[in-house]
Amino acid sequence: MAEQHPSAAARFMDLQDPRYAYMFGFLQADGHLAQGPGQKGKLTAEINARDIHILREFQQLTPYYSSITERVRQTNFAESHHSATWCVSSLEARTIVNELGIPYGKKSLTIKPPRTEFSRPDYLRGIIDADGSLGWTAQGWPFLALTSASTAIAAYLCHYGKKITGTERTTSRNTRDGVYNICYYKETAQQLAAHFYYDGCLALAHKKANADAIQAWVRPADMRIAPPRRRWTVKDDQELLRLNDPEAAATSLDRTEQSCIMRLWRLRTGRV
């Protein structure tokens, strides 16, 4: 348990500190802020007991009393699920994280990157540790992925991922469950994993191990590298509609005729 110290409390959740940036990202994605009667309430995070080490790190970083408890229960996925829960009830601690961007109650749709200065790779590593995954595809390719219901979080990962790797990803909710699935593969996944999971960082041990392991992948000599996708601009669309001829548009826009056919069809059918 942690005792409150005024000097430590003043630094609590300073998001320019990599440790707090990670902790905040993790709690924003996988924590829960509950409000009780009066000024009562609690901030909790429940995870698989194999990852209890990260809750102990949170406890050390929190200059307020907090507890860690364990339980074994039956779930839809396992007859015996062993979990660990970190809990802090301090009103001051709850007020700080709430003002930074962890709302009370259901939050999956509304969370967004902090408005204050923050350590970006550490914050995103916290988000990925909580709601993402990285490892190997069935084909043996390295991958890094995030599943999120938040438009702001999905868009921010796409923005930051492009800044680091040059690889563009678009955000759209899948039709089955309405969440965003952002995936990076092969060298791009390796690059992001190395950037997020640097030596000595605060992270879930098994995800740090996966981030290190995928660095060993080497592209087979016969596997071609796909060129980066070119996004259609408003100007491109206007030229395509003006010409109304995929063959002529392919020459004018330096694109394949097939891509012009598909884009013209999407424009005409309102799918853009």
Protein backbone atom coordinates (compact mmCIF):
# COMPACT_ATOMS: atom_id res chain seq x y z
CA MET A 1 0.00 0.00 0.00
CA ALA A 2 1.15 3.56 -0.60
CA GLU A 3 1.04 6.45 1.85
CA GLN A 4 0.25 9.97 0.66
CA HIS A 5 3.17 12.40 0.52
CA PRO A 6 2.51 16.03 -0.52
CA SER A 7 5.54 16.25 -2.82
CA ALA A 8 4.66 12.95 -4.51
CA ALA A 9 1.00 13.93 -4.78
CA ALA A 10 2.03 17.06 -6.68
CA ARG A 11 3.68 14.84 -9.31
CA PHE A 12 0.92 12.24 -9.51
CA MET A 13 -0.18 11.73 -13.12
CA ASP A 14 2.34 14.16 -14.60
CA LEU A 15 1.82 12.83 -18.13
CA GLN A 16 5.20 14.05 -19.33
CA ASP A 17 6.66 11.37 -17.04
CA PRO A 18 6.74 8.18 -19.21
CA ARG A 19 5.56 6.01 -16.31
CA TYR A 20 2.44 8.09 -15.65
CA ALA A 21 1.73 8.50 -19.37
CA TYR A 22 1.71 4.69 -19.67
CA MET A 23 -0.35 4.25 -16.51
CA PHE A 24 -2.91 6.81 -17.66
CA GLY A 25 -3.25 5.22 -21.12
CA PHE A 26 -3.72 1.79 -19.54
CA LEU A 27 -6.32 3.03 -17.05
CA GLN A 28 -8.13 5.06 -19.68
CA ALA A 29 -8.58 1.91 -21.77
CA ASP A 30 -8.93 -0.79 -19.13
CA GLY A 31 -9.71 0.98 -15.86
CA HIS A 32 -13.05 1.97 -14.38
CA LEU A 33 -13.93 5.13 -12.44
CA ALA A 34 -17.04 4.61 -10.32
CA GLN A 35 -18.95 7.25 -8.36
CA GLY A 36 -20.73 6.44 -5.12
CA PRO A 37 -22.98 8.48 -2.77
CA GLY A 38 -21.58 11.84 -1.69
CA GLN A 39 -17.87 12.02 -2.40
CA LYS A 40 -17.37 8.28 -2.39
CA GLY A 41 -16.10 6.34 -5.36
CA LYS A 42 -13.16 4.32 -6.61
CA LEU A 43 -10.77 3.86 -9.51
CA THR A 44 -10.12 0.22 -10.34
CA ALA A 45 -8.32 -1.92 -12.88
CA GLU A 46 -8.95 -5.68 -13.07
CA ILE A 47 -6.59 -7.80 -15.18
CA ASN A 48 -5.38 -11.37 -15.51
CA ALA A 49 -3.39 -12.33 -12.42
CA ARG A 50 -0.40 -13.21 -14.61
CA ASP A 51 0.01 -9.44 -15.11
CA ILE A 52 -0.23 -8.50 -11.43
CA HIS A 53 3.27 -7.03 -11.67
CA ILE A 54 1.90 -3.99 -13.53
CA LEU A 55 -0.66 -3.34 -10.77
CA ARG A 56 2.17 -3.37 -8.23
CA GLU A 57 3.91 -0.76 -10.36
CA PHE A 58 0.72 1.34 -10.31
CA GLN A 59 0.60 0.98 -6.55
CA GLN A 60 4.18 2.23 -6.24
CA LEU A 61 3.41 5.18 -8.52
CA THR A 62 0.29 6.20 -6.57
CA PRO A 63 0.96 8.43 -3.54
CA TYR A 64 -2.43 7.51 -2.02
CA TYR A 65 -3.57 4.39 -0.24
CA SER A 66 -4.41 1.64 -2.75
CA SER A 67 -5.01 -2.08 -2.57
CA ILE A 68 -4.52 -5.14 -4.77
CA THR A 69 -6.82 -8.12 -4.36
CA GLU A 70 -7.09 -11.42 -6.22
CA ARG A 71 -10.05 -13.66 -7.00
CA VAL A 72 -10.88 -16.79 -8.96
CA ARG A 73 -14.26 -16.95 -10.71
CA GLN A 74 -16.08 -18.63 -13.56
CA THR A 75 -16.54 -16.63 -16.77
CA ASN A 76 -17.98 -17.22 -20.25
CA PHE A 77 -14.44 -17.94 -21.44
CA ALA A 78 -13.01 -20.05 -18.63
CA GLU A 79 -14.26 -22.18 -15.76
CA SER A 80 -11.56 -20.78 -13.52
CA HIS A 81 -10.37 -17.22 -14.25
CA HIS A 82 -7.76 -15.86 -11.84
CA SER A 83 -7.77 -12.05 -11.83
CA ALA A 84 -6.15 -9.26 -9.83
CA THR A 85 -7.73 -5.86 -9.09
CA TRP A 86 -6.01 -2.61 -8.11
CA CYS A 87 -8.23 -0.08 -6.34
CA VAL A 88 -7.78 3.48 -5.09
CA SER A 89 -10.60 5.45 -3.43
CA SER A 90 -8.93 8.81 -2.74
CA LEU A 91 -11.14 11.70 -3.93
CA GLU A 92 -8.04 13.71 -4.84
CA ALA A 93 -6.65 10.90 -6.99
CA ARG A 94 -10.02 10.36 -8.68
CA THR A 95 -10.40 14.08 -9.36
CA ILE A 96 -6.96 14.24 -11.01
CA VAL A 97 -7.58 11.32 -13.40
CA ASN A 98 -11.11 12.49 -14.12
CA GLU A 99 -9.92 15.97 -15.11
CA LEU A 100 -7.22 14.43 -17.32
CA GLY A 101 -9.77 12.42 -19.27
CA ILE A 102 -11.10 9.32 -17.51
CA PRO A 103 -14.86 9.86 -17.15
CA TYR A 104 -17.03 8.26 -14.50
CA GLY A 105 -19.00 5.22 -15.65
CA LYS A 106 -19.03 3.84 -19.18
CA LYS A 107 -16.24 5.42 -21.19
CA SER A 108 -15.24 3.25 -24.16
CA LEU A 109 -16.80 5.58 -26.75
CA THR A 110 -15.71 8.88 -25.25
CA ILE A 111 -12.07 8.53 -24.18
CA LYS A 112 -9.56 10.62 -26.11
CA PRO A 113 -5.88 11.60 -25.88
CA PRO A 114 -5.11 14.08 -23.08
CA ARG A 115 -5.38 17.79 -23.79
CA THR A 116 -2.23 18.49 -21.78
CA GLU A 117 1.35 17.67 -22.81
CA PHE A 118 2.07 13.95 -22.53
CA SER A 119 4.67 11.33 -23.48
CA ARG A 120 3.09 9.98 -26.65
CA PRO A 121 4.78 6.59 -27.14
CA ASP A 122 4.27 5.68 -23.49
CA TYR A 123 0.62 6.73 -23.50
CA LEU A 124 -0.06 4.68 -26.64
CA ARG A 125 1.81 1.69 -25.22
CA GLY A 126 -0.56 1.83 -22.24
CA ILE A 127 -3.54 1.86 -24.61
CA ILE A 128 -2.13 -1.09 -26.59
CA ASP A 129 -1.25 -3.08 -23.47
CA ALA A 130 -4.86 -2.70 -22.31
CA ASP A 131 -6.81 -2.98 -25.59
CA GLY A 132 -4.31 -4.14 -28.20
CA SER A 133 -2.25 -7.14 -29.17
CA LEU A 134 1.00 -7.96 -30.90
CA GLY A 135 2.62 -11.15 -32.02
CA TRP A 136 2.38 -13.38 -35.07
CA THR A 137 -0.36 -13.92 -37.64
CA ALA A 138 -1.36 -17.39 -38.84
CA GLN A 139 0.92 -16.79 -41.84
CA GLY A 140 3.85 -16.10 -39.53
CA TRP A 141 3.93 -12.33 -40.05
CA PRO A 142 4.53 -9.93 -37.15
CA PHE A 143 1.56 -7.73 -36.30
CA LEU A 144 0.55 -4.96 -33.89
CA ALA A 145 -3.15 -4.18 -33.48
CA LEU A 146 -5.56 -2.09 -31.45
CA THR A 147 -9.29 -2.67 -30.94
CA SER A 148 -11.13 0.40 -29.63
CA ALA A 149 -14.64 1.82 -29.60
CA SER A 150 -13.25 5.36 -29.37
CA THR A 151 -13.02 7.32 -32.62
CA ALA A 152 -10.49 9.72 -31.07
CA ILE A 153 -8.15 6.95 -29.89
CA ALA A 154 -8.32 5.03 -33.19
CA ALA A 155 -7.68 8.20 -35.20
CA TYR A 156 -4.78 9.20 -32.96
CA LEU A 157 -3.02 5.85 -33.37
CA CYS A 158 -3.41 6.15 -37.15
CA HIS A 159 -2.01 9.69 -37.05
CA TYR A 160 0.92 8.74 -34.82
CA GLY A 161 1.61 5.49 -36.69
CA LYS A 162 1.92 7.40 -39.96
CA LYS A 163 4.24 9.92 -38.34
CA ILE A 164 6.57 7.17 -37.12
CA THR A 165 6.41 4.70 -40.01
CA GLY A 166 5.00 6.59 -43.00
CA THR A 167 2.30 3.90 -43.29
CA GLU A 168 -1.24 5.20 -43.55
CA ARG A 169 -4.22 3.53 -41.91
CA THR A 170 -7.84 4.63 -42.20
CA THR A 171 -10.42 4.45 -39.42
CA SER A 172 -13.84 2.88 -39.89
CA ARG A 173 -16.01 0.90 -37.49
CA ASN A 174 -16.53 -2.73 -38.43
CA THR A 175 -20.12 -3.69 -39.12
CA ARG A 176 -20.23 -6.65 -36.73
CA ASP A 177 -19.65 -4.93 -33.39
CA GLY A 178 -19.08 -1.27 -34.24
CA VAL A 179 -15.47 -1.02 -33.05
CA TYR A 180 -12.29 0.05 -34.80
CA ASN A 181 -9.64 -2.54 -35.63
CA ILE A 182 -6.32 -0.88 -36.49
CA CYS A 183 -3.66 -3.35 -37.66
CA TYR A 184 -0.04 -3.04 -38.73
CA TYR A 185 1.93 -5.89 -40.24
CA LYS A 186 5.49 -6.99 -41.08
CA GLU A 187 8.16 -4.25 -41.00
CA THR A 188 5.65 -1.59 -39.95
CA ALA A 189 4.62 -3.69 -36.94
CA GLN A 190 8.29 -4.23 -36.08
CA GLN A 191 9.00 -0.51 -36.30
CA LEU A 192 6.07 0.48 -34.09
CA ALA A 193 6.77 -2.30 -31.58
CA ALA A 194 10.39 -1.17 -31.23
CA HIS A 195 9.25 2.44 -30.84
CA PHE A 196 6.62 1.71 -28.20
CA TYR A 197 8.34 -1.14 -26.31
CA TYR A 198 11.82 0.25 -25.78
CA ASP A 199 14.25 -1.24 -23.25
CA GLY A 200 13.38 -0.41 -19.66
CA CYS A 201 9.84 0.79 -20.38
CA LEU A 202 6.88 0.06 -18.12
CA ALA A 203 4.82 -2.63 -19.89
CA LEU A 204 3.04 -5.96 -19.51
CA ALA A 205 5.82 -8.55 -19.46
CA HIS A 206 4.30 -10.87 -22.06
CA LYS A 207 3.63 -8.04 -24.51
CA LYS A 208 7.15 -6.66 -24.09
CA ALA A 209 8.43 -10.19 -24.80
CA ASN A 210 6.29 -10.38 -27.96
CA ALA A 211 7.49 -6.94 -29.07
CA ASP A 212 11.08 -8.15 -28.74
CA ALA A 213 10.38 -11.50 -30.42
CA ILE A 214 8.83 -10.08 -33.59
CA GLN A 215 12.00 -8.08 -34.27
CA ALA A 216 13.63 -11.34 -35.39
CA TRP A 217 11.34 -11.67 -38.44
CA VAL A 218 13.03 -11.17 -41.81
CA ARG A 219 11.02 -10.71 -45.00
CA PRO A 220 11.48 -13.71 -47.35
CA ALA A 221 13.42 -12.85 -50.49
CA ASP A 222 10.45 -13.76 -52.71
CA MET A 223 7.90 -11.64 -50.81
CA ARG A 224 7.29 -8.42 -52.71
CA ILE A 225 6.85 -5.08 -50.96
CA ALA A 226 3.53 -3.47 -51.83
CA PRO A 227 3.81 0.22 -52.74
CA PRO A 228 2.12 2.68 -50.35
CA ARG A 229 -1.53 3.37 -51.15
CA ARG A 230 -2.40 6.73 -52.65
CA ARG A 231 -5.51 8.27 -51.18
CA TRP A 232 -8.05 9.87 -53.49
CA THR A 233 -8.27 13.64 -53.06
CA VAL A 234 -11.20 15.93 -53.79
CA LYS A 235 -9.27 17.23 -56.79
CA ASP A 236 -8.76 13.65 -58.08
CA ASP A 237 -12.47 12.92 -57.71
CA GLN A 238 -13.42 16.10 -59.56
CA GLU A 239 -11.08 15.24 -62.45
CA LEU A 240 -12.39 11.67 -62.61
CA LEU A 241 -16.01 12.87 -62.76
CA ARG A 242 -15.16 15.55 -65.31
CA LEU A 243 -13.49 13.05 -67.65
CA ASN A 244 -16.09 10.34 -66.97
CA ASP A 245 -13.74 7.90 -68.70
CA PRO A 246 -11.63 5.48 -66.60
CA GLU A 247 -9.06 4.97 -69.36
CA ALA A 248 -8.49 8.70 -69.86
CA ALA A 249 -8.54 9.31 -66.10
CA ALA A 250 -5.91 6.60 -65.55
CA THR A 251 -3.54 8.50 -67.84
CA SER A 252 -4.39 11.92 -66.43
CA LEU A 253 -4.17 10.87 -62.76
CA ASP A 254 -1.34 8.32 -63.12
CA ARG A 255 -3.48 5.51 -61.70
CA THR A 256 -4.56 2.10 -62.93
CA GLU A 257 -7.67 1.90 -65.05
CA GLN A 258 -9.18 -0.61 -62.62
CA SER A 259 -8.77 1.78 -59.68
CA CYS A 260 -10.47 4.54 -61.71
CA ILE A 261 -13.35 2.21 -62.58
CA MET A 262 -13.87 1.30 -58.91
CA ARG A 263 -13.59 4.89 -57.71
CA LEU A 264 -16.04 6.12 -60.35
CA TRP A 265 -18.51 3.41 -59.34
CA ARG A 266 -18.19 4.38 -55.66
CA LEU A 267 -18.74 8.05 -56.45
CA ARG A 268 -21.80 7.32 -58.58
CA THR A 269 -23.35 4.97 -56.02
CA GLY A 270 -22.76 7.23 -53.04
CA ARG A 271 -20.29 4.88 -51.35
CA VAL A 272 -17.73 7.67 -50.89
